[in-house]
Amino acid sequence: MQDNRKTKREFGAKKEKKEFESSLLGLARVIRMTAGGRRFRFRAVMVMGNKKGKIGLGVAKGKDVAQAVEKATLKAKKNLIEIPIKEETIAHRVEAKFGAARILLKPQTKGRGLVAGGTVRVICTLAGIKNISSKVIGKTRNKINNAKATLMALEKLKPENLPASRSDEQQTVNNEQQTVNNEQSL
């Protein structure tokens, strides 16, 4: 005789779809010297993105690897930024500097692919940018500084539908006011 009761697995079998993907950029053992000797901790660097224009970076330390990764993941989720992506690339050329790291990001035509190395490649993949060219100009190979410089460069991107700068907006408002004043004086 077959049992018609649902098991726990079948009853709550709603599969949660992950909205964000994450990647471990770096894991390091760090040491703090005390009078009693060395104290070991672990530092984790996590990047989290949804491949639709949201990306975040988290750096955290913990007593063991699992704790450091969990804390870094929570920090990355808190520090999410939105990036304007246009036709699977960025809107314009952008450069940023953080510490000794300097990053240059350039848009590419469709089909060119992701021409980036290391940290920049991971960040652009998780952000959903498929066609981009980048260059690490700085003299450092520090992954944290390169990641922060890349995020600063992506933050500088302006959406295509907004005016280039605040001064352009102000100038159009001033021109409209002048035409209204000229019409009133006639």
N, C-alpha and C. Protein backbone atom coordinates (compact mmCIF):
# COMPACT_ATOMS: atom_id res chain seq x y z
N MET A 1 0.83 -1.19 0.00
CA MET A 1 0.00 0.00 0.00
C MET A 1 0.88 1.26 0.00
N GLN A 2 0.54 2.23 -0.84
CA GLN A 2 1.36 3.43 -0.99
C GLN A 2 0.90 4.51 -0.03
N ASP A 3 1.88 5.18 0.56
CA ASP A 3 1.59 6.24 1.53
C ASP A 3 1.41 7.57 0.78
N ASN A 4 0.27 8.24 0.96
CA ASN A 4 -0.02 9.48 0.25
C ASN A 4 0.42 10.73 1.00
N ARG A 5 1.03 10.55 2.15
CA ARG A 5 1.49 11.73 2.91
C ARG A 5 2.71 12.36 2.24
N LYS A 6 2.78 13.66 2.34
CA LYS A 6 3.93 14.37 1.78
C LYS A 6 5.07 14.36 2.79
N THR A 7 6.25 14.14 2.31
CA THR A 7 7.42 14.21 3.19
C THR A 7 7.79 15.66 3.40
N LYS A 8 8.66 15.89 4.35
CA LYS A 8 9.09 17.27 4.64
C LYS A 8 9.73 17.90 3.42
N ARG A 9 10.48 17.12 2.72
CA ARG A 9 11.18 17.64 1.54
C ARG A 9 10.18 18.08 0.47
N GLU A 10 9.16 17.28 0.22
CA GLU A 10 8.16 17.61 -0.79
C GLU A 10 7.26 18.76 -0.35
N PHE A 11 6.96 18.81 0.94
CA PHE A 11 6.04 19.82 1.45
C PHE A 11 6.61 21.24 1.29
N GLY A 12 7.84 21.42 1.69
CA GLY A 12 8.45 22.76 1.59
C GLY A 12 9.44 22.83 0.46
N ALA A 13 9.11 22.23 -0.66
CA ALA A 13 10.07 22.10 -1.76
C ALA A 13 10.08 23.30 -2.69
N LYS A 14 9.84 24.47 -2.17
CA LYS A 14 9.96 25.68 -2.99
C LYS A 14 11.43 26.01 -3.10
N LYS A 15 11.95 25.91 -4.29
CA LYS A 15 13.36 26.20 -4.48
C LYS A 15 13.57 27.70 -4.52
N GLU A 16 14.46 28.15 -3.68
CA GLU A 16 14.78 29.58 -3.67
C GLU A 16 15.74 29.86 -4.80
N LYS A 17 15.40 30.81 -5.63
CA LYS A 17 16.29 31.20 -6.71
C LYS A 17 17.20 32.31 -6.20
N LYS A 18 18.48 32.11 -6.33
CA LYS A 18 19.42 33.12 -5.85
C LYS A 18 19.37 34.34 -6.76
N GLU A 19 19.17 35.48 -6.13
CA GLU A 19 19.13 36.72 -6.91
C GLU A 19 20.54 37.20 -7.22
N PHE A 20 21.45 37.00 -6.27
CA PHE A 20 22.82 37.47 -6.42
C PHE A 20 23.79 36.30 -6.46
N GLU A 21 24.80 36.44 -7.30
CA GLU A 21 25.91 35.49 -7.32
C GLU A 21 27.08 36.15 -6.62
N SER A 22 27.90 35.33 -5.97
CA SER A 22 29.05 35.91 -5.27
C SER A 22 30.31 35.16 -5.65
N SER A 23 31.42 35.84 -5.51
CA SER A 23 32.72 35.26 -5.83
C SER A 23 33.73 35.70 -4.78
N LEU A 24 34.58 34.78 -4.38
CA LEU A 24 35.63 35.07 -3.41
C LEU A 24 36.84 35.61 -4.15
N LEU A 25 37.15 36.88 -3.93
CA LEU A 25 38.30 37.50 -4.60
C LEU A 25 39.61 37.14 -3.92
N GLY A 26 39.60 37.10 -2.62
CA GLY A 26 40.84 36.80 -1.92
C GLY A 26 40.58 36.32 -0.51
N LEU A 27 41.47 35.47 -0.05
CA LEU A 27 41.40 34.96 1.32
C LEU A 27 42.82 34.96 1.85
N ALA A 28 43.03 35.64 2.97
CA ALA A 28 44.39 35.75 3.52
C ALA A 28 44.39 35.51 5.02
N ARG A 29 45.47 34.94 5.50
CA ARG A 29 45.65 34.77 6.94
C ARG A 29 46.43 35.98 7.43
N VAL A 30 45.86 36.72 8.35
CA VAL A 30 46.52 37.92 8.87
C VAL A 30 46.91 37.67 10.33
N ILE A 31 47.98 38.31 10.75
CA ILE A 31 48.53 38.06 12.08
C ILE A 31 48.59 39.36 12.87
N ARG A 32 48.19 39.27 14.14
CA ARG A 32 48.33 40.40 15.06
C ARG A 32 49.27 39.94 16.17
N MET A 33 50.32 40.70 16.40
CA MET A 33 51.28 40.34 17.44
C MET A 33 50.80 40.88 18.78
N THR A 34 50.80 40.03 19.79
CA THR A 34 50.47 40.44 21.15
C THR A 34 51.61 40.01 22.07
N ALA A 35 51.50 40.36 23.32
CA ALA A 35 52.54 39.99 24.28
C ALA A 35 52.62 38.47 24.43
N GLY A 36 51.50 37.79 24.25
CA GLY A 36 51.47 36.34 24.38
C GLY A 36 51.87 35.60 23.13
N GLY A 37 52.09 36.30 22.03
CA GLY A 37 52.47 35.66 20.77
C GLY A 37 51.63 36.16 19.61
N ARG A 38 51.50 35.32 18.61
CA ARG A 38 50.76 35.72 17.41
C ARG A 38 49.29 35.31 17.51
N ARG A 39 48.40 36.19 17.03
CA ARG A 39 46.97 35.89 16.95
C ARG A 39 46.59 35.83 15.47
N PHE A 40 46.10 34.70 15.04
CA PHE A 40 45.76 34.51 13.63
C PHE A 40 44.28 34.78 13.39
N ARG A 41 44.00 35.47 12.29
CA ARG A 41 42.63 35.69 11.82
C ARG A 41 42.64 35.54 10.31
N PHE A 42 41.46 35.51 9.72
CA PHE A 42 41.35 35.38 8.27
C PHE A 42 40.60 36.57 7.70
N ARG A 43 41.10 37.06 6.56
CA ARG A 43 40.45 38.18 5.87
C ARG A 43 39.91 37.67 4.54
N ALA A 44 38.63 37.93 4.31
CA ALA A 44 37.97 37.50 3.07
C ALA A 44 37.52 38.73 2.28
N VAL A 45 37.67 38.66 0.96
CA VAL A 45 37.20 39.71 0.06
C VAL A 45 36.18 39.08 -0.87
N MET A 46 34.92 39.54 -0.76
CA MET A 46 33.83 38.97 -1.56
C MET A 46 33.26 40.03 -2.51
N VAL A 47 32.91 39.58 -3.71
CA VAL A 47 32.21 40.44 -4.67
C VAL A 47 30.87 39.77 -4.95
N MET A 48 29.80 40.58 -4.95
CA MET A 48 28.47 40.05 -5.15
C MET A 48 27.76 40.87 -6.24
N GLY A 49 27.10 40.20 -7.16
CA GLY A 49 26.39 40.90 -8.23
C GLY A 49 25.23 40.08 -8.75
N ASN A 50 24.30 40.77 -9.44
CA ASN A 50 23.13 40.07 -9.98
C ASN A 50 23.16 39.94 -11.51
N LYS A 51 24.25 40.34 -12.14
CA LYS A 51 24.44 40.30 -13.59
C LYS A 51 23.41 41.15 -14.35
N LYS A 52 22.82 42.12 -13.64
CA LYS A 52 21.87 43.04 -14.25
C LYS A 52 22.19 44.48 -13.90
N GLY A 53 23.40 44.74 -13.41
CA GLY A 53 23.79 46.11 -13.12
C GLY A 53 23.99 46.43 -11.65
N LYS A 54 23.84 45.46 -10.76
CA LYS A 54 24.09 45.71 -9.34
C LYS A 54 25.32 44.93 -8.91
N ILE A 55 26.21 45.61 -8.18
CA ILE A 55 27.47 44.99 -7.75
C ILE A 55 27.87 45.54 -6.39
N GLY A 56 28.49 44.70 -5.57
CA GLY A 56 28.93 45.13 -4.24
C GLY A 56 30.22 44.43 -3.85
N LEU A 57 30.98 45.08 -2.97
CA LEU A 57 32.26 44.56 -2.49
C LEU A 57 32.24 44.54 -0.98
N GLY A 58 32.71 43.44 -0.39
CA GLY A 58 32.78 43.32 1.05
C GLY A 58 34.11 42.77 1.49
N VAL A 59 34.72 43.40 2.51
CA VAL A 59 35.98 42.93 3.09
C VAL A 59 35.74 42.77 4.57
N ALA A 60 36.05 41.58 5.11
CA ALA A 60 35.81 41.34 6.53
C ALA A 60 36.82 40.33 7.07
N LYS A 61 37.02 40.38 8.39
CA LYS A 61 37.91 39.45 9.06
C LYS A 61 37.11 38.61 10.05
N GLY A 62 37.60 37.39 10.29
CA GLY A 62 36.95 36.51 11.24
C GLY A 62 37.94 35.54 11.83
N LYS A 63 37.52 34.86 12.90
CA LYS A 63 38.42 33.91 13.56
C LYS A 63 38.67 32.68 12.72
N ASP A 64 37.70 32.31 11.87
CA ASP A 64 37.92 31.22 10.94
C ASP A 64 37.43 31.63 9.55
N VAL A 65 37.73 30.80 8.56
CA VAL A 65 37.43 31.14 7.17
C VAL A 65 35.93 31.33 6.96
N ALA A 66 35.11 30.44 7.50
CA ALA A 66 33.66 30.51 7.29
C ALA A 66 33.09 31.82 7.84
N GLN A 67 33.54 32.21 9.02
CA GLN A 67 33.05 33.45 9.62
C GLN A 67 33.47 34.67 8.78
N ALA A 68 34.71 34.68 8.30
CA ALA A 68 35.19 35.80 7.48
C ALA A 68 34.41 35.90 6.18
N VAL A 69 34.15 34.77 5.54
CA VAL A 69 33.41 34.76 4.27
C VAL A 69 31.97 35.23 4.49
N GLU A 70 31.34 34.76 5.56
CA GLU A 70 29.96 35.16 5.85
C GLU A 70 29.86 36.66 6.11
N LYS A 71 30.78 37.19 6.92
CA LYS A 71 30.76 38.63 7.22
C LYS A 71 31.03 39.45 5.96
N ALA A 72 31.97 39.01 5.11
CA ALA A 72 32.28 39.73 3.88
C ALA A 72 31.09 39.71 2.92
N THR A 73 30.36 38.59 2.88
CA THR A 73 29.17 38.49 2.03
C THR A 73 28.10 39.46 2.48
N LEU A 74 27.88 39.56 3.79
CA LEU A 74 26.89 40.51 4.31
C LEU A 74 27.29 41.95 4.00
N LYS A 75 28.58 42.27 4.12
CA LYS A 75 29.04 43.63 3.80
C LYS A 75 28.88 43.93 2.32
N ALA A 76 29.15 42.94 1.47
CA ALA A 76 28.99 43.14 0.02
C ALA A 76 27.52 43.40 -0.31
N LYS A 77 26.61 42.71 0.37
CA LYS A 77 25.18 42.90 0.13
C LYS A 77 24.73 44.29 0.56
N LYS A 78 25.35 44.81 1.65
CA LYS A 78 25.01 46.15 2.14
C LYS A 78 25.55 47.24 1.23
N ASN A 79 26.68 47.00 0.57
CA ASN A 79 27.36 48.02 -0.23
C ASN A 79 27.05 47.91 -1.72
N LEU A 80 25.87 47.48 -2.08
CA LEU A 80 25.52 47.33 -3.50
C LEU A 80 25.38 48.69 -4.18
N ILE A 81 25.90 48.79 -5.39
CA ILE A 81 25.72 50.00 -6.20
C ILE A 81 25.07 49.60 -7.52
N GLU A 82 24.41 50.55 -8.16
CA GLU A 82 23.75 50.30 -9.45
C GLU A 82 24.60 50.92 -10.55
N ILE A 83 24.79 50.15 -11.61
CA ILE A 83 25.61 50.58 -12.74
C ILE A 83 24.73 50.68 -13.98
N PRO A 84 24.79 51.80 -14.71
CA PRO A 84 24.03 51.89 -15.95
C PRO A 84 24.72 51.10 -17.07
N ILE A 85 24.07 50.04 -17.53
CA ILE A 85 24.62 49.20 -18.60
C ILE A 85 23.80 49.46 -19.86
N LYS A 86 24.51 49.73 -20.96
CA LYS A 86 23.84 50.03 -22.23
C LYS A 86 24.34 49.04 -23.27
N GLU A 87 23.46 48.17 -23.76
CA GLU A 87 23.78 47.18 -24.78
C GLU A 87 24.97 46.31 -24.37
N GLU A 88 24.93 45.80 -23.14
CA GLU A 88 25.93 44.90 -22.57
C GLU A 88 27.32 45.52 -22.45
N THR A 89 27.41 46.85 -22.45
CA THR A 89 28.68 47.54 -22.25
C THR A 89 28.43 48.80 -21.44
N ILE A 90 29.47 49.59 -21.21
CA ILE A 90 29.30 50.85 -20.48
C ILE A 90 29.11 51.99 -21.48
N ALA A 91 28.61 53.11 -20.99
CA ALA A 91 28.25 54.22 -21.89
C ALA A 91 29.46 54.99 -22.41
N HIS A 92 30.49 55.14 -21.59
CA HIS A 92 31.64 55.95 -22.00
C HIS A 92 32.89 55.49 -21.28
N ARG A 93 34.04 56.03 -21.71
CA ARG A 93 35.34 55.72 -21.12
C ARG A 93 35.42 56.33 -19.73
N VAL A 94 35.99 55.60 -18.78
CA VAL A 94 36.08 56.11 -17.41
C VAL A 94 37.36 55.58 -16.76
N GLU A 95 37.91 56.41 -15.87
CA GLU A 95 39.15 56.06 -15.18
C GLU A 95 38.99 56.43 -13.70
N ALA A 96 39.59 55.62 -12.82
CA ALA A 96 39.51 55.90 -11.39
C ALA A 96 40.80 55.47 -10.71
N LYS A 97 41.04 56.09 -9.54
CA LYS A 97 42.25 55.80 -8.77
C LYS A 97 41.85 55.58 -7.32
N PHE A 98 42.40 54.52 -6.73
CA PHE A 98 42.23 54.25 -5.31
C PHE A 98 43.56 53.75 -4.78
N GLY A 99 44.16 54.52 -3.89
CA GLY A 99 45.50 54.16 -3.40
C GLY A 99 46.48 54.19 -4.56
N ALA A 100 47.25 53.13 -4.73
CA ALA A 100 48.20 53.05 -5.83
C ALA A 100 47.57 52.45 -7.08
N ALA A 101 46.33 52.00 -6.98
CA ALA A 101 45.66 51.34 -8.11
C ALA A 101 44.98 52.37 -9.01
N ARG A 102 45.22 52.24 -10.30
CA ARG A 102 44.52 53.05 -11.31
C ARG A 102 43.92 52.11 -12.33
N ILE A 103 42.65 52.32 -12.64
CA ILE A 103 41.92 51.43 -13.55
C ILE A 103 41.32 52.26 -14.69
N LEU A 104 41.44 51.76 -15.91
CA LEU A 104 40.86 52.39 -17.09
C LEU A 104 39.85 51.40 -17.68
N LEU A 105 38.62 51.87 -17.88
CA LEU A 105 37.56 51.04 -18.47
C LEU A 105 37.07 51.71 -19.75
N LYS A 106 37.00 50.94 -20.85
CA LYS A 106 36.54 51.48 -22.13
C LYS A 106 35.43 50.61 -22.68
N PRO A 107 34.39 51.23 -23.25
CA PRO A 107 33.31 50.44 -23.87
C PRO A 107 33.80 49.75 -25.14
N GLN A 108 33.18 48.62 -25.47
CA GLN A 108 33.53 47.88 -26.69
C GLN A 108 32.26 47.57 -27.48
N THR A 109 32.45 47.26 -28.74
CA THR A 109 31.32 46.91 -29.59
C THR A 109 30.81 45.51 -29.23
N LYS A 110 29.58 45.24 -29.61
CA LYS A 110 28.97 43.95 -29.29
C LYS A 110 29.75 42.82 -29.97
N GLY A 111 30.03 41.78 -29.20
CA GLY A 111 30.76 40.64 -29.73
C GLY A 111 32.26 40.68 -29.43
N ARG A 112 32.75 41.79 -28.98
CA ARG A 112 34.18 41.92 -28.68
C ARG A 112 34.56 41.08 -27.47
N GLY A 113 33.70 41.06 -26.46
CA GLY A 113 33.94 40.25 -25.28
C GLY A 113 34.54 41.04 -24.14
N LEU A 114 34.85 40.33 -23.08
CA LEU A 114 35.38 40.91 -21.85
C LEU A 114 36.90 40.85 -21.90
N VAL A 115 37.53 41.98 -22.23
CA VAL A 115 38.98 42.05 -22.30
C VAL A 115 39.45 42.71 -21.01
N ALA A 116 39.59 41.88 -19.98
CA ALA A 116 39.99 42.37 -18.67
C ALA A 116 40.66 41.23 -17.92
N GLY A 117 41.48 41.58 -16.97
CA GLY A 117 42.19 40.55 -16.23
C GLY A 117 41.92 40.62 -14.74
N GLY A 118 41.98 39.48 -14.10
CA GLY A 118 41.94 39.39 -12.65
C GLY A 118 40.69 39.96 -12.02
N THR A 119 40.91 40.93 -11.15
CA THR A 119 39.85 41.53 -10.35
C THR A 119 38.80 42.20 -11.22
N VAL A 120 39.22 42.93 -12.22
CA VAL A 120 38.29 43.67 -13.08
C VAL A 120 37.36 42.71 -13.82
N ARG A 121 37.90 41.58 -14.27
CA ARG A 121 37.10 40.57 -14.98
C ARG A 121 36.00 40.01 -14.09
N VAL A 122 36.34 39.68 -12.85
CA VAL A 122 35.35 39.12 -11.91
C VAL A 122 34.24 40.13 -11.65
N ILE A 123 34.61 41.38 -11.40
CA ILE A 123 33.63 42.43 -11.10
C ILE A 123 32.71 42.68 -12.30
N CYS A 124 33.29 42.80 -13.49
CA CYS A 124 32.48 43.06 -14.69
C CYS A 124 31.56 41.88 -15.00
N THR A 125 32.02 40.66 -14.79
CA THR A 125 31.18 39.48 -15.03
C THR A 125 29.98 39.49 -14.10
N LEU A 126 30.20 39.73 -12.80
CA LEU A 126 29.11 39.72 -11.84
C LEU A 126 28.18 40.92 -12.00
N ALA A 127 28.68 42.02 -12.60
CA ALA A 127 27.84 43.19 -12.85
C ALA A 127 26.98 43.00 -14.10
N GLY A 128 27.37 42.08 -14.98
CA GLY A 128 26.59 41.84 -16.20
C GLY A 128 27.13 42.58 -17.41
N ILE A 129 28.34 43.08 -17.33
CA ILE A 129 28.96 43.77 -18.46
C ILE A 129 29.68 42.72 -19.29
N LYS A 130 29.25 42.55 -20.56
CA LYS A 130 29.81 41.49 -21.39
C LYS A 130 30.84 41.97 -22.40
N ASN A 131 30.80 43.25 -22.75
CA ASN A 131 31.72 43.79 -23.75
C ASN A 131 32.41 45.02 -23.17
N ILE A 132 33.65 44.85 -22.74
CA ILE A 132 34.40 45.95 -22.14
C ILE A 132 35.89 45.66 -22.28
N SER A 133 36.65 46.73 -22.34
CA SER A 133 38.10 46.61 -22.37
C SER A 133 38.64 47.37 -21.17
N SER A 134 39.61 46.78 -20.47
CA SER A 134 40.13 47.46 -19.29
C SER A 134 41.64 47.33 -19.22
N LYS A 135 42.23 48.22 -18.44
CA LYS A 135 43.67 48.20 -18.23
C LYS A 135 43.95 48.62 -16.80
N VAL A 136 44.75 47.83 -16.09
CA VAL A 136 45.20 48.21 -14.75
C VAL A 136 46.48 49.01 -14.95
N ILE A 137 46.38 50.32 -14.76
CA ILE A 137 47.50 51.22 -15.02
C ILE A 137 48.40 51.34 -13.80
N GLY A 138 47.83 51.21 -12.62
CA GLY A 138 48.60 51.36 -11.38
C GLY A 138 49.69 50.33 -11.23
N LYS A 139 50.62 50.60 -10.33
CA LYS A 139 51.77 49.72 -10.15
C LYS A 139 51.55 48.71 -9.03
N THR A 140 50.31 48.51 -8.61
CA THR A 140 50.03 47.58 -7.53
C THR A 140 49.26 46.37 -8.05
N ARG A 141 49.47 45.24 -7.38
CA ARG A 141 48.70 44.04 -7.69
C ARG A 141 47.76 43.71 -6.54
N ASN A 142 47.57 44.68 -5.64
CA ASN A 142 46.69 44.50 -4.48
C ASN A 142 45.25 44.35 -4.97
N LYS A 143 44.65 43.20 -4.70
CA LYS A 143 43.31 42.91 -5.22
C LYS A 143 42.25 43.84 -4.62
N ILE A 144 42.40 44.18 -3.35
CA ILE A 144 41.40 45.04 -2.70
C ILE A 144 41.41 46.42 -3.33
N ASN A 145 42.60 47.01 -3.49
CA ASN A 145 42.68 48.35 -4.08
C ASN A 145 42.22 48.34 -5.53
N ASN A 146 42.57 47.30 -6.29
CA ASN A 146 42.11 47.21 -7.68
C ASN A 146 40.60 47.07 -7.74
N ALA A 147 40.01 46.29 -6.83
CA ALA A 147 38.55 46.13 -6.80
C ALA A 147 37.87 47.44 -6.45
N LYS A 148 38.39 48.14 -5.45
CA LYS A 148 37.79 49.42 -5.05
C LYS A 148 37.93 50.47 -6.16
N ALA A 149 39.06 50.48 -6.86
CA ALA A 149 39.24 51.42 -7.98
C ALA A 149 38.27 51.09 -9.11
N THR A 150 38.05 49.81 -9.37
CA THR A 150 37.10 49.41 -10.42
C THR A 150 35.69 49.85 -10.06
N LEU A 151 35.30 49.65 -8.81
CA LEU A 151 33.96 50.08 -8.38
C LEU A 151 33.83 51.60 -8.42
N MET A 152 34.89 52.32 -8.08
CA MET A 152 34.84 53.79 -8.17
C MET A 152 34.65 54.21 -9.63
N ALA A 153 35.33 53.53 -10.55
CA ALA A 153 35.19 53.86 -11.97
C ALA A 153 33.76 53.57 -12.44
N LEU A 154 33.20 52.45 -12.01
CA LEU A 154 31.83 52.11 -12.42
C LEU A 154 30.81 53.06 -11.80
N GLU A 155 31.11 53.59 -10.60
CA GLU A 155 30.21 54.57 -9.97
C GLU A 155 30.19 55.88 -10.75
N LYS A 156 31.31 56.22 -11.41
CA LYS A 156 31.41 57.47 -12.17
C LYS A 156 30.58 57.46 -13.45
N LEU A 157 30.14 56.28 -13.88
CA LEU A 157 29.36 56.19 -15.12
C LEU A 157 28.06 56.96 -14.99
N LYS A 158 27.71 57.66 -16.05
CA LYS A 158 26.46 58.43 -16.07
C LYS A 158 25.48 57.72 -16.97
N PRO A 159 24.21 57.67 -16.57
CA PRO A 159 23.20 57.09 -17.46
C PRO A 159 23.09 57.91 -18.74
N GLU A 160 22.77 57.26 -19.84
CA GLU A 160 22.71 57.92 -21.15
C GLU A 160 21.62 58.98 -21.23
N ASN A 161 20.50 58.81 -20.52
CA ASN A 161 19.37 59.72 -20.66
C ASN A 161 19.49 60.99 -19.82
N LEU A 162 20.48 61.07 -18.93
CA LEU A 162 20.65 62.27 -18.11
C LEU A 162 21.57 63.27 -18.79
N PRO A 163 21.46 64.58 -18.47
CA PRO A 163 22.39 65.55 -19.03
C PRO A 163 23.82 65.23 -18.56
N ALA A 164 24.79 65.67 -19.34
CA ALA A 164 26.19 65.35 -19.04
C ALA A 164 26.62 65.90 -17.68
N SER A 165 26.16 67.10 -17.35
CA SER A 165 26.53 67.65 -16.04
C SER A 165 25.45 68.60 -15.55
N ARG A 166 25.58 69.00 -14.33
CA ARG A 166 24.62 69.91 -13.70
C ARG A 166 24.65 71.27 -14.41
N SER A 167 25.82 71.68 -14.88
CA SER A 167 25.94 72.99 -15.54
C SER A 167 25.12 73.04 -16.84
N ASP A 168 25.02 71.90 -17.56
CA ASP A 168 24.21 71.85 -18.78
C ASP A 168 22.74 72.08 -18.46
N GLU A 169 22.29 71.46 -17.37
CA GLU A 169 20.90 71.64 -16.93
C GLU A 169 20.63 73.10 -16.60
N GLN A 170 21.56 73.70 -15.84
CA GLN A 170 21.41 75.08 -15.42
C GLN A 170 21.41 76.01 -16.63
N GLN A 171 22.25 75.70 -17.61
CA GLN A 171 22.33 76.53 -18.81
C GLN A 171 21.02 76.50 -19.59
N THR A 172 20.39 75.34 -19.72
CA THR A 172 19.11 75.26 -20.44
C THR A 172 18.03 76.02 -19.69
N VAL A 173 18.05 75.97 -18.35
CA VAL A 173 17.06 76.72 -17.56
C VAL A 173 17.27 78.22 -17.77
N ASN A 174 18.53 78.68 -17.76
CA ASN A 174 18.83 80.10 -17.97
C ASN A 174 18.38 80.56 -19.37
N ASN A 175 18.61 79.74 -20.39
CA ASN A 175 18.19 80.09 -21.76
C ASN A 175 16.68 80.22 -21.85
N GLU A 176 15.96 79.32 -21.20
CA GLU A 176 14.50 79.40 -21.20
C GLU A 176 14.01 80.66 -20.51
N GLN A 177 14.67 81.04 -19.40
CA GLN A 177 14.28 82.26 -18.69
C GLN A 177 14.54 83.49 -19.54
N GLN A 178 15.65 83.51 -20.29
CA GLN A 178 15.96 84.66 -21.15
C GLN A 178 14.92 84.80 -22.25
N THR A 179 14.52 83.69 -22.86
CA THR A 179 13.52 83.79 -23.93
C THR A 179 12.19 84.28 -23.39
N VAL A 180 11.81 83.85 -22.17
CA VAL A 180 10.57 84.32 -21.56
C VAL A 180 10.67 85.81 -21.28
N ASN A 181 11.81 86.29 -20.75
CA ASN A 181 12.01 87.71 -20.46
C ASN A 181 11.99 88.52 -21.75
N ASN A 182 12.58 88.04 -22.83
CA ASN A 182 12.58 88.75 -24.11
C ASN A 182 11.18 88.87 -24.66
N GLU A 183 10.39 87.82 -24.53
CA GLU A 183 9.01 87.86 -25.03
C GLU A 183 8.17 88.84 -24.23
N GLN A 184 8.40 88.94 -22.93
CA GLN A 184 7.65 89.84 -22.07
C GLN A 184 8.00 91.30 -22.37
N SER A 185 9.25 91.57 -22.72
CA SER A 185 9.66 92.94 -22.97
C SER A 185 9.12 93.46 -24.31
N LEU A 186 8.76 92.57 -25.22
CA LEU A 186 8.25 92.98 -26.53
C LEU A 186 6.85 93.41 -26.41
